[in-house]
PDB file of N, CA and C in Angstrom:
ATOM      1  N   UNK A   1       0.772  -0.922  -0.020  1.00  0.00           N
ATOM      2  CA  UNK A   1       0.225   0.157   0.117  1.00  0.00           C
ATOM      3  C   UNK A   1       0.892   1.239   0.033  1.00  0.00           C
ATOM      4  N   UNK A   2       0.682   2.084  -0.653  1.00  0.00           N
ATOM      5  CA  UNK A   2       1.250   3.034  -1.134  1.00  0.00           C
ATOM      6  C   UNK A   2       0.838   4.575  -0.269  1.00  0.00           C
ATOM      7  N   UNK A   3       1.622   5.394  -0.028  1.00  0.00           N
ATOM      8  CA  UNK A   3       1.154   6.457   0.683  1.00  0.00           C
ATOM      9  C   UNK A   3       1.175   7.866  -0.136  1.00  0.00           C
ATOM     10  N   UNK A   4       0.075   8.331  -0.445  1.00  0.00           N
ATOM     11  CA  UNK A   4      -0.264   9.316  -1.373  1.00  0.00           C
ATOM     12  C   UNK A   4      -0.915  10.821  -0.237  1.00  0.00           C
ATOM     13  N   UNK A   5      -0.048  11.880  -1.091  1.00  0.00           N
ATOM     14  CA  UNK A   5      -0.413  13.000  -0.282  1.00  0.00           C
ATOM     15  C   UNK A   5      -1.798  13.303  -1.141  1.00  0.00           C
ATOM     16  N   UNK A   6      -2.523  13.532  -0.283  1.00  0.00           N
ATOM     17  CA  UNK A   6      -4.276  14.346  -0.692  1.00  0.00           C
ATOM     18  C   UNK A   6      -3.996  15.612  -0.358  1.00  0.00           C
ATOM     19  N   UNK A   7      -4.167  16.313  -1.525  1.00  0.00           N
ATOM     20  CA  UNK A   7      -4.325  18.071  -1.292  1.00  0.00           C
ATOM     21  C   UNK A   7      -5.743  18.501  -1.476  1.00  0.00           C
ATOM     22  N   UNK A   8      -6.546  17.959  -1.843  1.00  0.00           N
ATOM     23  CA  UNK A   8      -7.840  18.618  -2.047  1.00  0.00           C
ATOM     24  C   UNK A   8      -9.126  17.600  -2.095  1.00  0.00           C
ATOM     25  N   UNK A   9     -10.479  18.082  -2.112  1.00  0.00           N
ATOM     26  CA  UNK A   9     -11.474  17.181  -1.743  1.00  0.00           C
ATOM     27  C   UNK A   9     -11.749  16.469  -3.050  1.00  0.00           C
ATOM     28  N   UNK A  10     -11.202  16.578  -4.288  1.00  0.00           N
ATOM     29  CA  UNK A  10     -11.430  15.391  -5.443  1.00  0.00           C
ATOM     30  C   UNK A  10     -10.384  14.881  -5.454  1.00  0.00           C
ATOM     31  N   UNK A  11      -9.124  15.024  -5.001  1.00  0.00           N
ATOM     32  CA  UNK A  11      -8.216  13.440  -4.801  1.00  0.00           C
ATOM     33  C   UNK A  11      -8.826  12.942  -3.604  1.00  0.00           C
ATOM     34  N   UNK A  12      -9.181  13.472  -2.731  1.00  0.00           N
ATOM     35  CA  UNK A  12      -9.902  12.630  -1.972  1.00  0.00           C
ATOM     36  C   UNK A  12     -10.990  11.603  -2.208  1.00  0.00           C
ATOM     37  N   UNK A  13     -11.978  11.755  -2.911  1.00  0.00           N
ATOM     38  CA  UNK A  13     -12.930  11.324  -3.384  1.00  0.00           C
ATOM     39  C   UNK A  13     -12.271  10.290  -4.701  1.00  0.00           C
ATOM     40  N   UNK A  14     -11.587  10.683  -4.962  1.00  0.00           N
ATOM     41  CA  UNK A  14     -10.778   9.932  -6.232  1.00  0.00           C
ATOM     42  C   UNK A  14     -10.233   8.575  -5.475  1.00  0.00           C
ATOM     43  N   UNK A  15      -9.377   8.637  -4.678  1.00  0.00           N
ATOM     44  CA  UNK A  15      -8.540   8.065  -3.676  1.00  0.00           C
ATOM     45  C   UNK A  15      -9.600   7.028  -2.727  1.00  0.00           C
ATOM     46  N   UNK A  16     -10.815   7.406  -2.580  1.00  0.00           N
ATOM     47  CA  UNK A  16     -11.741   6.431  -1.811  1.00  0.00           C
ATOM     48  C   UNK A  16     -12.326   5.982  -3.057  1.00  0.00           C
ATOM     49  N   UNK A  17     -12.524   6.175  -3.896  1.00  0.00           N
ATOM     50  CA  UNK A  17     -13.021   5.169  -5.178  1.00  0.00           C
ATOM     51  C   UNK A  17     -12.210   4.376  -5.482  1.00  0.00           C
ATOM     52  N   UNK A  18     -10.574   4.510  -5.796  1.00  0.00           N
ATOM     53  CA  UNK A  18      -9.366   3.481  -5.690  1.00  0.00           C
ATOM     54  C   UNK A  18      -9.772   2.374  -4.547  1.00  0.00           C
ATOM     55  N   UNK A  19     -10.110   2.888  -3.604  1.00  0.00           N
ATOM     56  CA  UNK A  19      -9.710   2.042  -2.490  1.00  0.00           C
ATOM     57  C   UNK A  19     -11.126   1.353  -2.380  1.00  0.00           C
ATOM     58  N   UNK A  20     -12.185   2.053  -2.485  1.00  0.00           N
ATOM     59  CA  UNK A  20     -13.255   0.818  -2.787  1.00  0.00           C
ATOM     60  C   UNK A  20     -13.249  -0.312  -3.322  1.00  0.00           C
ATOM     61  N   UNK A  21     -12.655  -0.079  -5.071  1.00  0.00           N
ATOM     62  CA  UNK A  21     -12.627  -0.984  -6.085  1.00  0.00           C
ATOM     63  C   UNK A  21     -11.414  -1.985  -5.744  1.00  0.00           C
ATOM     64  N   UNK A  22     -10.478  -1.445  -4.990  1.00  0.00           N
ATOM     65  CA  UNK A  22      -9.463  -2.560  -4.597  1.00  0.00           C
ATOM     66  C   UNK A  22     -10.118  -3.340  -3.582  1.00  0.00           C
ATOM     67  N   UNK A  23     -10.712  -2.897  -2.584  1.00  0.00           N
ATOM     68  CA  UNK A  23     -11.562  -3.857  -1.600  1.00  0.00           C
ATOM     69  C   UNK A  23     -12.786  -4.761  -2.226  1.00  0.00           C
ATOM     70  N   UNK A  24     -13.314  -4.151  -3.080  1.00  0.00           N
ATOM     71  CA  UNK A  24     -14.410  -5.083  -3.811  1.00  0.00           C
ATOM     72  C   UNK A  24     -13.665  -5.955  -4.449  1.00  0.00           C
ATOM     73  N   UNK A  25     -12.643  -5.842  -5.277  1.00  0.00           N
ATOM     74  CA  UNK A  25     -11.768  -6.706  -6.137  1.00  0.00           C
ATOM     75  C   UNK A  25     -11.154  -7.993  -4.586  1.00  0.00           C
ATOM     76  N   UNK A  26     -10.585  -7.388  -3.692  1.00  0.00           N
ATOM     77  CA  UNK A  26     -10.032  -8.517  -2.915  1.00  0.00           C
ATOM     78  C   UNK A  26     -11.075  -9.445  -2.442  1.00  0.00           C
ATOM     79  N   UNK A  27     -12.263  -8.745  -2.105  1.00  0.00           N
ATOM     80  CA  UNK A  27     -13.334  -9.453  -1.452  1.00  0.00           C
ATOM     81  C   UNK A  27     -13.682 -10.929  -2.256  1.00  0.00           C
ATOM     82  N   UNK A  28     -13.962 -10.402  -3.590  1.00  0.00           N
ATOM     83  CA  UNK A  28     -14.302 -11.338  -4.426  1.00  0.00           C
ATOM     84  C   UNK A  28     -13.327 -12.095  -4.507  1.00  0.00           C
ATOM     85  N   UNK A  29     -12.022 -12.088  -4.691  1.00  0.00           N
ATOM     86  CA  UNK A  29     -10.899 -12.928  -4.976  1.00  0.00           C
ATOM     87  C   UNK A  29     -10.868 -13.581  -3.675  1.00  0.00           C
ATOM     88  N   UNK A  30     -11.034 -13.310  -2.462  1.00  0.00           N
ATOM     89  CA  UNK A  30     -11.188 -14.030  -1.350  1.00  0.00           C
ATOM     90  C   UNK A  30     -12.293 -14.794  -1.463  1.00  0.00           C
ATOM     91  N   UNK A  31     -13.300 -14.565  -1.600  1.00  0.00           N
ATOM     92  CA  UNK A  31     -14.761 -15.574  -1.560  1.00  0.00           C
ATOM     93  C   UNK A  31     -14.642 -16.381  -2.597  1.00  0.00           C
ATOM     94  N   UNK A  32     -13.970 -16.025  -4.107  1.00  0.00           N
ATOM     95  CA  UNK A  32     -13.732 -17.437  -4.943  1.00  0.00           C
ATOM     96  C   UNK A  32     -12.632 -18.053  -4.096  1.00  0.00           C
ATOM     97  N   UNK A  33     -11.557 -17.887  -3.732  1.00  0.00           N
ATOM     98  CA  UNK A  33     -10.511 -18.622  -3.001  1.00  0.00           C
ATOM     99  C   UNK A  33     -11.151 -19.640  -1.889  1.00  0.00           C
ATOM    100  N   UNK A  34     -12.198 -18.952  -0.779  1.00  0.00           N
ATOM    101  CA  UNK A  34     -12.705 -19.551   0.257  1.00  0.00           C
ATOM    102  C   UNK A  34     -13.438 -20.856  -0.602  1.00  0.00           C
ATOM    103  N   UNK A  35     -14.211 -20.406  -1.408  1.00  0.00           N
ATOM    104  CA  UNK A  35     -15.419 -21.357  -2.140  1.00  0.00           C
ATOM    105  C   UNK A  35     -14.786 -22.688  -2.722  1.00  0.00           C
ATOM    106  N   UNK A  36     -13.666 -21.968  -3.261  1.00  0.00           N
ATOM    107  CA  UNK A  36     -12.291 -23.236  -4.107  1.00  0.00           C
ATOM    108  C   UNK A  36     -12.178 -24.176  -2.971  1.00  0.00           C
ATOM    109  N   UNK A  37     -11.615 -23.590  -1.585  1.00  0.00           N
ATOM    110  CA  UNK A  37     -11.256 -24.210  -0.344  1.00  0.00           C
ATOM    111  C   UNK A  37     -12.585 -25.519  -0.104  1.00  0.00           C
ATOM    112  N   UNK A  38     -13.455 -24.954  -0.047  1.00  0.00           N
ATOM    113  CA  UNK A  38     -14.541 -25.543   0.286  1.00  0.00           C
ATOM    114  C   UNK A  38     -14.848 -27.034  -0.340  1.00  0.00           C
ATOM    115  N   UNK A  39     -14.843 -26.576  -1.571  1.00  0.00           N
ATOM    116  CA  UNK A  39     -15.395 -27.655  -2.713  1.00  0.00           C
ATOM    117  C   UNK A  39     -14.036 -28.761  -2.378  1.00  0.00           C
ATOM    118  N   UNK A  40     -12.879 -28.498  -2.270  1.00  0.00           N
ATOM    119  CA  UNK A  40     -11.546 -29.517  -2.280  1.00  0.00           C
ATOM    120  C   UNK A  40     -11.959 -30.173  -1.030  1.00  0.00           C
ATOM    121  N   UNK A  41     -12.324 -29.436   0.130  1.00  0.00           N
ATOM    122  CA  UNK A  41     -12.260 -30.053   1.634  1.00  0.00           C
ATOM    123  C   UNK A  41     -14.065 -30.651   1.458  1.00  0.00           C
ATOM    124  N   UNK A  42     -14.413 -31.427   0.519  1.00  0.00           N
ATOM    125  CA  UNK A  42     -15.625 -31.760   1.028  1.00  0.00           C
ATOM    126  C   UNK A  42     -15.454 -33.051   1.702  1.00  0.00           C
ATOM    127  N   UNK A  43     -15.781 -32.848   3.019  1.00  0.00           N
ATOM    128  CA  UNK A  43     -15.478 -33.632   4.137  1.00  0.00           C
ATOM    129  C   UNK A  43     -16.073 -34.974   3.892  1.00  0.00           C
ATOM    130  N   UNK A  44     -17.469 -34.933   3.628  1.00  0.00           N
ATOM    131  CA  UNK A  44     -18.375 -36.465   3.621  1.00  0.00           C
ATOM    132  C   UNK A  44     -18.059 -37.255   2.824  1.00  0.00           C
ATOM    133  N   UNK A  45     -17.420 -36.542   1.351  1.00  0.00           N
ATOM    134  CA  UNK A  45     -16.924 -37.859   0.495  1.00  0.00           C
ATOM    135  C   UNK A  45     -15.450 -38.354   1.062  1.00  0.00           C
ATOM    136  N   UNK A  46     -15.143 -37.839   1.574  1.00  0.00           N
ATOM    137  CA  UNK A  46     -13.448 -38.048   2.139  1.00  0.00           C
ATOM    138  C   UNK A  46     -13.881 -39.036   3.419  1.00  0.00           C
ATOM    139  N   UNK A  47     -14.938 -38.719   4.107  1.00  0.00           N
ATOM    140  CA  UNK A  47     -15.245 -40.199   4.961  1.00  0.00           C
ATOM    141  C   UNK A  47     -16.053 -41.264   4.347  1.00  0.00           C
ATOM    142  N   UNK A  48     -16.640 -41.273   3.595  1.00  0.00           N
ATOM    143  CA  UNK A  48     -17.585 -42.189   2.818  1.00  0.00           C
ATOM    144  C   UNK A  48     -16.172 -43.031   1.911  1.00  0.00           C
ATOM    145  N   UNK A  49     -15.460 -42.407   1.274  1.00  0.00           N
ATOM    146  CA  UNK A  49     -14.524 -43.284   0.532  1.00  0.00           C
ATOM    147  C   UNK A  49     -13.224 -44.099   1.657  1.00  0.00           C
ATOM    148  N   UNK A  50     -13.307 -43.898   2.846  1.00  0.00           N
ATOM    149  CA  UNK A  50     -12.391 -44.695   3.752  1.00  0.00           C
ATOM    150  C   UNK A  50     -12.801 -45.902   3.832  1.00  0.00           C
ATOM    151  N   UNK A  51     -11.764 -46.439   4.221  1.00  0.00           N
ATOM    152  CA  UNK A  51     -12.213 -48.235   4.699  1.00  0.00           C
ATOM    153  C   UNK A  51     -12.468 -48.270   6.180  1.00  0.00           C
ATOM    154  N   UNK A  52     -13.122 -49.157   6.342  1.00  0.00           N
ATOM    155  CA  UNK A  52     -13.637 -49.155   7.883  1.00  0.00           C
ATOM    156  C   UNK A  52     -12.280 -49.098   8.530  1.00  0.00           C
ATOM    157  N   UNK A  53     -11.497 -50.029   8.067  1.00  0.00           N
ATOM    158  CA  UNK A  53     -10.160 -50.296   9.443  1.00  0.00           C
ATOM    159  C   UNK A  53      -9.309 -48.909   9.538  1.00  0.00           C
ATOM    160  N   UNK A  54      -9.453 -47.989   8.921  1.00  0.00           N
ATOM    161  CA  UNK A  54      -9.121 -46.922   9.129  1.00  0.00           C
ATOM    162  C   UNK A  54      -9.814 -45.699   9.803  1.00  0.00           C
ATOM    163  N   UNK A  55      -9.507 -45.059  10.804  1.00  0.00           N
ATOM    164  CA  UNK A  55     -10.818 -44.117  11.480  1.00  0.00           C
ATOM    165  C   UNK A  55     -10.218 -42.835  11.350  1.00  0.00           C
ATOM    166  N   UNK A  56     -10.541 -42.162  10.534  1.00  0.00           N
ATOM    167  CA  UNK A  56     -10.021 -40.814  10.350  1.00  0.00           C
ATOM    168  C   UNK A  56     -10.743 -39.700  11.179  1.00  0.00           C
ATOM    169  N   UNK A  57     -12.183 -40.396  11.345  1.00  0.00           N
ATOM    170  CA  UNK A  57     -13.211 -39.573  12.285  1.00  0.00           C
ATOM    171  C   UNK A  57     -12.675 -39.340  13.793  1.00  0.00           C
ATOM    172  N   UNK A  58     -11.875 -40.527  14.322  1.00  0.00           N
ATOM    173  CA  UNK A  58     -11.202 -40.403  15.704  1.00  0.00           C
ATOM    174  C   UNK A  58     -10.417 -38.912  15.509  1.00  0.00           C
ATOM    175  N   UNK A  59      -9.752 -38.989  14.507  1.00  0.00           N
ATOM    176  CA  UNK A  59      -8.349 -37.759  14.547  1.00  0.00           C
ATOM    177  C   UNK A  59      -9.240 -36.485  14.411  1.00  0.00           C
ATOM    178  N   UNK A  60     -10.673 -36.449  13.679  1.00  0.00           N
ATOM    179  CA  UNK A  60     -11.115 -35.510  13.554  1.00  0.00           C
ATOM    180  C   UNK A  60     -11.939 -35.239  14.757  1.00  0.00           C
ATOM    181  N   UNK A  61     -12.679 -36.067  15.394  1.00  0.00           N
ATOM    182  CA  UNK A  61     -13.250 -35.885  16.851  1.00  0.00           C
ATOM    183  C   UNK A  61     -12.186 -35.315  17.402  1.00  0.00           C
ATOM    184  N   UNK A  62     -10.912 -35.664  17.797  1.00  0.00           N
ATOM    185  CA  UNK A  62      -9.987 -35.362  18.560  1.00  0.00           C
ATOM    186  C   UNK A  62      -9.466 -33.722  18.620  1.00  0.00           C
ATOM    187  N   UNK A  63      -9.240 -33.559  17.176  1.00  0.00           N
ATOM    188  CA  UNK A  63      -9.009 -32.182  16.757  1.00  0.00           C
ATOM    189  C   UNK A  63     -10.056 -30.819  16.967  1.00  0.00           C
ATOM    190  N   UNK A  64     -11.171 -31.306  16.586  1.00  0.00           N
ATOM    191  CA  UNK A  64     -12.388 -30.636  16.745  1.00  0.00           C
ATOM    192  C   UNK A  64     -12.554 -30.333  18.534  1.00  0.00           C
ATOM    193  N   UNK A  65     -12.638 -31.191  19.532  1.00  0.00           N
ATOM    194  CA  UNK A  65     -12.442 -31.079  20.562  1.00  0.00           C
ATOM    195  C   UNK A  65     -11.607 -30.437  21.158  1.00  0.00           C
ATOM    196  N   UNK A  66     -10.369 -30.569  20.592  1.00  0.00           N
ATOM    197  CA  UNK A  66      -9.291 -29.857  21.123  1.00  0.00           C
ATOM    198  C   UNK A  66      -9.574 -28.240  21.063  1.00  0.00           C
ATOM    199  N   UNK A  67      -9.949 -27.860  19.628  1.00  0.00           N
ATOM    200  CA  UNK A  67     -10.231 -26.497  19.262  1.00  0.00           C
ATOM    201  C   UNK A  67     -11.599 -25.579  20.220  1.00  0.00           C
ATOM    202  N   UNK A  68     -12.672 -26.769  20.240  1.00  0.00           N
ATOM    203  CA  UNK A  68     -13.892 -26.350  21.262  1.00  0.00           C
ATOM    204  C   UNK A  68     -13.030 -25.821  22.763  1.00  0.00           C
ATOM    205  N   UNK A  69     -12.215 -26.850  23.052  1.00  0.00           N
ATOM    206  CA  UNK A  69     -12.069 -26.680  24.561  1.00  0.00           C
ATOM    207  C   UNK A  69     -10.950 -25.533  24.720  1.00  0.00           C
ATOM    208  N   UNK A  70     -10.187 -25.341  23.550  1.00  0.00           N
ATOM    209  CA  UNK A  70      -9.426 -23.744  23.456  1.00  0.00           C
ATOM    210  C   UNK A  70     -10.176 -22.879  23.323  1.00  0.00           C
ATOM    211  N   UNK A  71     -11.279 -22.683  22.703  1.00  0.00           N
ATOM    212  CA  UNK A  71     -12.159 -21.327  22.830  1.00  0.00           C
ATOM    213  C   UNK A  71     -12.997 -21.424  24.136  1.00  0.00           C
ATOM    214  N   UNK A  72     -13.216 -22.343  24.623  1.00  0.00           N
ATOM    215  CA  UNK A  72     -14.219 -22.488  25.864  1.00  0.00           C
ATOM    216  C   UNK A  72     -13.326 -21.741  26.804  1.00  0.00           C
ATOM    217  N   UNK A  73     -11.884 -22.386  26.977  1.00  0.00           N
ATOM    218  CA  UNK A  73     -11.016 -21.773  28.024  1.00  0.00           C
ATOM    219  C   UNK A  73     -10.793 -20.521  28.077  1.00  0.00           C
ATOM    220  N   UNK A  74     -10.835 -19.591  26.469  1.00  0.00           N
ATOM    221  CA  UNK A  74     -10.512 -18.549  26.464  1.00  0.00           C
ATOM    222  C   UNK A  74     -11.853 -17.511  26.944  1.00  0.00           C
ATOM    223  N   UNK A  75     -12.999 -18.405  26.455  1.00  0.00           N
ATOM    224  CA  UNK A  75     -14.276 -17.286  26.551  1.00  0.00           C
ATOM    225  C   UNK A  75     -14.678 -17.105  28.262  1.00  0.00           C
ATOM    226  N   UNK A  76     -14.518 -18.419  28.686  1.00  0.00           N
ATOM    227  CA  UNK A  76     -15.061 -18.483  30.343  1.00  0.00           C
ATOM    228  C   UNK A  76     -13.958 -18.550  31.339  1.00  0.00           C
ATOM    229  N   UNK A  77     -12.531 -18.220  30.914  1.00  0.00           N
ATOM    230  CA  UNK A  77     -11.348 -17.758  31.639  1.00  0.00           C
ATOM    231  C   UNK A  77     -11.096 -18.856  32.715  1.00  0.00           C
ATOM    232  N   UNK A  78     -11.041 -20.234  32.074  1.00  0.00           N
ATOM    233  CA  UNK A  78     -10.522 -21.123  32.967  1.00  0.00           C
ATOM    234  C   UNK A  78      -9.416 -21.050  33.908  1.00  0.00           C
ATOM    235  N   UNK A  79      -8.208 -20.339  33.839  1.00  0.00           N
ATOM    236  CA  UNK A  79      -7.338 -20.173  34.669  1.00  0.00           C
ATOM    237  C   UNK A  79      -7.534 -18.565  35.240  1.00  0.00           C
ATOM    238  N   UNK A  80      -8.698 -18.051  35.330  1.00  0.00           N
ATOM    239  CA  UNK A  80      -8.561 -16.731  36.428  1.00  0.00           C
ATOM    240  C   UNK A  80      -9.449 -16.741  37.551  1.00  0.00           C
ATOM    241  N   UNK A  81     -10.517 -17.713  37.437  1.00  0.00           N
ATOM    242  CA  UNK A  81     -11.038 -17.958  38.880  1.00  0.00           C
ATOM    243  C   UNK A  81     -11.518 -19.259  38.740  1.00  0.00           C
ATOM    244  N   UNK A  82     -12.209 -19.561  39.914  1.00  0.00           N
ATOM    245  CA  UNK A  82     -12.679 -20.908  40.170  1.00  0.00           C
ATOM    246  C   UNK A  82     -14.435 -20.838  39.375  1.00  0.00           C
ATOM    247  N   UNK A  83     -14.908 -20.010  39.690  1.00  0.00           N
ATOM    248  CA  UNK A  83     -16.351 -20.035  38.887  1.00  0.00           C
ATOM    249  C   UNK A  83     -15.887 -20.447  37.069  1.00  0.00           C
ATOM    250  N   UNK A  84     -14.710 -19.760  36.980  1.00  0.00           N
ATOM    251  CA  UNK A  84     -14.286 -19.522  34.988  1.00  0.00           C
ATOM    252  C   UNK A  84     -14.022 -21.251  34.913  1.00  0.00           C
ATOM    253  N   UNK A  85     -13.203 -21.835  35.827  1.00  0.00           N
ATOM    254  CA  UNK A  85     -12.537 -23.218  35.864  1.00  0.00           C
ATOM    255  C   UNK A  85     -13.811 -24.231  35.728  1.00  0.00           C
ATOM    256  N   UNK A  86     -14.724 -24.000  36.683  1.00  0.00           N
ATOM    257  CA  UNK A  86     -15.902 -24.893  36.622  1.00  0.00           C
ATOM    258  C   UNK A  86     -16.667 -24.703  35.513  1.00  0.00           C
ATOM    259  N   UNK A  87     -17.206 -23.659  35.366  1.00  0.00           N
ATOM    260  CA  UNK A  87     -18.007 -23.475  34.046  1.00  0.00           C
ATOM    261  C   UNK A  87     -17.259 -24.030  32.710  1.00  0.00           C
ATOM    262  N   UNK A  88     -16.248 -23.655  32.482  1.00  0.00           N
ATOM    263  CA  UNK A  88     -15.713 -24.446  31.372  1.00  0.00           C
ATOM    264  C   UNK A  88     -15.671 -25.885  31.254  1.00  0.00           C
ATOM    265  N   UNK A  89     -15.069 -26.378  32.530  1.00  0.00           N
ATOM    266  CA  UNK A  89     -15.108 -27.705  32.845  1.00  0.00           C
ATOM    267  C   UNK A  89     -16.469 -28.359  32.052  1.00  0.00           C
ATOM    268  N   UNK A  90     -17.741 -27.748  32.915  1.00  0.00           N
ATOM    269  CA  UNK A  90     -18.737 -28.213  32.131  1.00  0.00           C
ATOM    270  C   UNK A  90     -18.863 -28.428  30.934  1.00  0.00           C
ATOM    271  N   UNK A  91     -18.809 -26.978  30.373  1.00  0.00           N
ATOM    272  CA  UNK A  91     -18.934 -26.575  28.923  1.00  0.00           C
ATOM    273  C   UNK A  91     -18.130 -27.653  28.090  1.00  0.00           C
ATOM    274  N   UNK A  92     -17.070 -27.938  28.250  1.00  0.00           N
ATOM    275  CA  UNK A  92     -16.103 -28.596  27.852  1.00  0.00           C
ATOM    276  C   UNK A  92     -16.685 -30.362  27.722  1.00  0.00           C
ATOM    277  N   UNK A  93     -17.178 -30.935  28.797  1.00  0.00           N
ATOM    278  CA  UNK A  93     -17.566 -31.960  28.925  1.00  0.00           C
ATOM    279  C   UNK A  93     -18.775 -32.110  28.067  1.00  0.00           C
ATOM    280  N   UNK A  94     -19.669 -30.916  28.207  1.00  0.00           N
ATOM    281  CA  UNK A  94     -20.975 -31.141  27.120  1.00  0.00           C
ATOM    282  C   UNK A  94     -20.838 -31.316  25.944  1.00  0.00           C
ATOM    283  N   UNK A  95     -19.557 -30.117  25.355  1.00  0.00           N
ATOM    284  CA  UNK A  95     -19.449 -30.141  23.894  1.00  0.00           C
ATOM    285  C   UNK A  95     -18.750 -31.324  23.326  1.00  0.00           C
ATOM    286  N   UNK A  96     -17.797 -32.279  24.368  1.00  0.00           N
ATOM    287  CA  UNK A  96     -17.182 -33.090  23.978  1.00  0.00           C
ATOM    288  C   UNK A  96     -18.067 -34.284  23.495  1.00  0.00           C
ATOM    289  N   UNK A  97     -19.182 -34.635  24.513  1.00  0.00           N
ATOM    290  CA  UNK A  97     -20.280 -35.407  24.206  1.00  0.00           C
ATOM    291  C   UNK A  97     -20.953 -35.236  23.279  1.00  0.00           C
ATOM    292  N   UNK A  98     -21.407 -33.796  22.798  1.00  0.00           N
ATOM    293  CA  UNK A  98     -21.933 -33.428  21.599  1.00  0.00           C
ATOM    294  C   UNK A  98     -21.056 -33.893  20.353  1.00  0.00           C
ATOM    295  N   UNK A  99     -19.814 -33.658  20.128  1.00  0.00           N
ATOM    296  CA  UNK A  99     -18.872 -33.772  19.118  1.00  0.00           C
ATOM    297  C   UNK A  99     -18.875 -35.240  19.030  1.00  0.00           C
ATOM    298  N   UNK A 100     -18.611 -35.985  19.888  1.00  0.00           N
ATOM    299  CA  UNK A 100     -18.583 -37.307  19.927  1.00  0.00           C
ATOM    300  C   UNK A 100     -19.595 -38.263  19.424  1.00  0.00           C
ATOM    301  N   UNK A 101     -20.866 -37.774  19.998  1.00  0.00           N
ATOM    302  CA  UNK A 101     -22.138 -38.406  19.187  1.00  0.00           C
ATOM    303  C   UNK A 101     -22.379 -38.127  17.978  1.00  0.00           C
ATOM    304  N   UNK A 102     -22.105 -36.632  17.413  1.00  0.00           N
ATOM    305  CA  UNK A 102     -22.989 -36.184  16.575  1.00  0.00           C
ATOM    306  C   UNK A 102     -21.838 -35.449  15.400  1.00  0.00           C
ATOM    307  N   UNK A 103     -20.957 -35.799  15.291  1.00  0.00           N
ATOM    308  CA  UNK A 103     -19.772 -35.298  14.492  1.00  0.00           C
ATOM    309  C   UNK A 103     -20.277 -35.319  13.003  1.00  0.00           C
ATOM    310  N   UNK A 104     -20.608 -36.609  12.186  1.00  0.00           N
ATOM    311  CA  UNK A 104     -20.890 -36.505  11.233  1.00  0.00           C
ATOM    312  C   UNK A 104     -22.119 -35.323  10.640  1.00  0.00           C
ATOM    313  N   UNK A 105     -23.253 -35.701  11.621  1.00  0.00           N
ATOM    314  CA  UNK A 105     -24.323 -34.748  11.478  1.00  0.00           C
ATOM    315  C   UNK A 105     -23.695 -33.113  11.394  1.00  0.00           C
ATOM    316  N   UNK A 106     -23.056 -32.793  12.284  1.00  0.00           N
ATOM    317  CA  UNK A 106     -22.476 -31.181  12.109  1.00  0.00           C
ATOM    318  C   UNK A 106     -21.460 -31.074  10.925  1.00  0.00           C
ATOM    319  N   UNK A 107     -20.974 -32.198  10.688  1.00  0.00           N
ATOM    320  CA  UNK A 107     -20.241 -31.747   9.463  1.00  0.00           C
ATOM    321  C   UNK A 107     -21.140 -31.731   8.041  1.00  0.00           C
ATOM    322  N   UNK A 108     -21.720 -32.546   8.079  1.00  0.00           N
ATOM    323  CA  UNK A 108     -22.773 -32.568   7.012  1.00  0.00           C
ATOM    324  C   UNK A 108     -23.746 -31.299   6.997  1.00  0.00           C
ATOM    325  N   UNK A 109     -24.095 -30.809   8.303  1.00  0.00           N
ATOM    326  CA  UNK A 109     -24.827 -29.501   8.114  1.00  0.00           C
ATOM    327  C   UNK A 109     -23.926 -28.486   7.788  1.00  0.00           C
ATOM    328  N   UNK A 110     -22.868 -28.194   8.155  1.00  0.00           N
ATOM    329  CA  UNK A 110     -22.052 -27.243   7.652  1.00  0.00           C
ATOM    330  C   UNK A 110     -21.769 -27.472   6.040  1.00  0.00           C
ATOM    331  N   UNK A 111     -21.745 -28.604   5.665  1.00  0.00           N
ATOM    332  CA  UNK A 111     -21.214 -28.416   4.248  1.00  0.00           C
ATOM    333  C   UNK A 111     -22.468 -28.419   3.692  1.00  0.00           C
ATOM    334  N   UNK A 112     -23.845 -28.913   3.940  1.00  0.00           N
ATOM    335  CA  UNK A 112     -24.960 -28.405   3.162  1.00  0.00           C
ATOM    336  C   UNK A 112     -25.109 -26.812   3.307  1.00  0.00           C
ATOM    337  N   UNK A 113     -24.605 -25.941   4.454  1.00  0.00           N
ATOM    338  CA  UNK A 113     -24.886 -24.846   4.330  1.00  0.00           C
ATOM    339  C   UNK A 113     -23.917 -23.964   3.224  1.00  0.00           C
ATOM    340  N   UNK A 114     -22.497 -24.439   3.611  1.00  0.00           N
ATOM    341  CA  UNK A 114     -21.851 -23.940   2.185  1.00  0.00           C
ATOM    342  C   UNK A 114     -22.297 -24.086   0.931  1.00  0.00           C
ATOM    343  N   UNK A 115     -22.564 -25.468   0.804  1.00  0.00           N
ATOM    344  CA  UNK A 115     -23.071 -25.659  -0.757  1.00  0.00           C
ATOM    345  C   UNK A 115     -24.336 -24.759  -1.072  1.00  0.00           C
ATOM    346  N   UNK A 116     -25.551 -24.886  -0.099  1.00  0.00           N
ATOM    347  CA  UNK A 116     -26.742 -23.980  -0.359  1.00  0.00           C
ATOM    348  C   UNK A 116     -26.172 -22.515  -0.486  1.00  0.00           C
ATOM    349  N   UNK A 117     -25.105 -21.811  -0.083  1.00  0.00           N
ATOM    350  CA  UNK A 117     -24.898 -20.527  -0.253  1.00  0.00           C
ATOM    351  C   UNK A 117     -24.336 -20.382  -1.528  1.00  0.00           C
ATOM    352  N   UNK A 118     -23.275 -21.289  -1.639  1.00  0.00           N
ATOM    353  CA  UNK A 118     -23.038 -21.423  -3.389  1.00  0.00           C
ATOM    354  C   UNK A 118     -23.727 -21.350  -4.161  1.00  0.00           C
ATOM    355  N   UNK A 119     -24.698 -22.247  -4.444  1.00  0.00           N
ATOM    356  CA  UNK A 119     -25.940 -22.441  -5.082  1.00  0.00           C
ATOM    357  C   UNK A 119     -26.513 -21.011  -5.464  1.00  0.00           C
ATOM    358  N   UNK A 120     -26.491 -19.936  -4.147  1.00  0.00           N
ATOM    359  CA  UNK A 120     -27.381 -18.914  -4.587  1.00  0.00           C
ATOM    360  C   UNK A 120     -26.548 -17.704  -5.037  1.00  0.00           C
TER     361      UNK A 120
END
């Protein structure tokens, strides 16, 4: 990004238009890249194609649980107070049970949400 000296109102308006155009271009580029990434990471087809002896779902469950636990720790302040610790432990246990029992449904819901938005 370059620094330009703006001397009058007309130059300011012109610079605003240039920045808006650049922002819209980057926004569309980011949207395209994200949609491409979502289509490459079609998680349901990955899980359907794996043989039963391999269990990648357990790895995914562990990763999702770790990410949720980190977020819960940050939100509830696990290491700040006793109330924060107790509430974060309860929420972590609840989310772990929820994720372990319904991960495929959660993934398919997220996947259908992205594909529904992609069609519109």
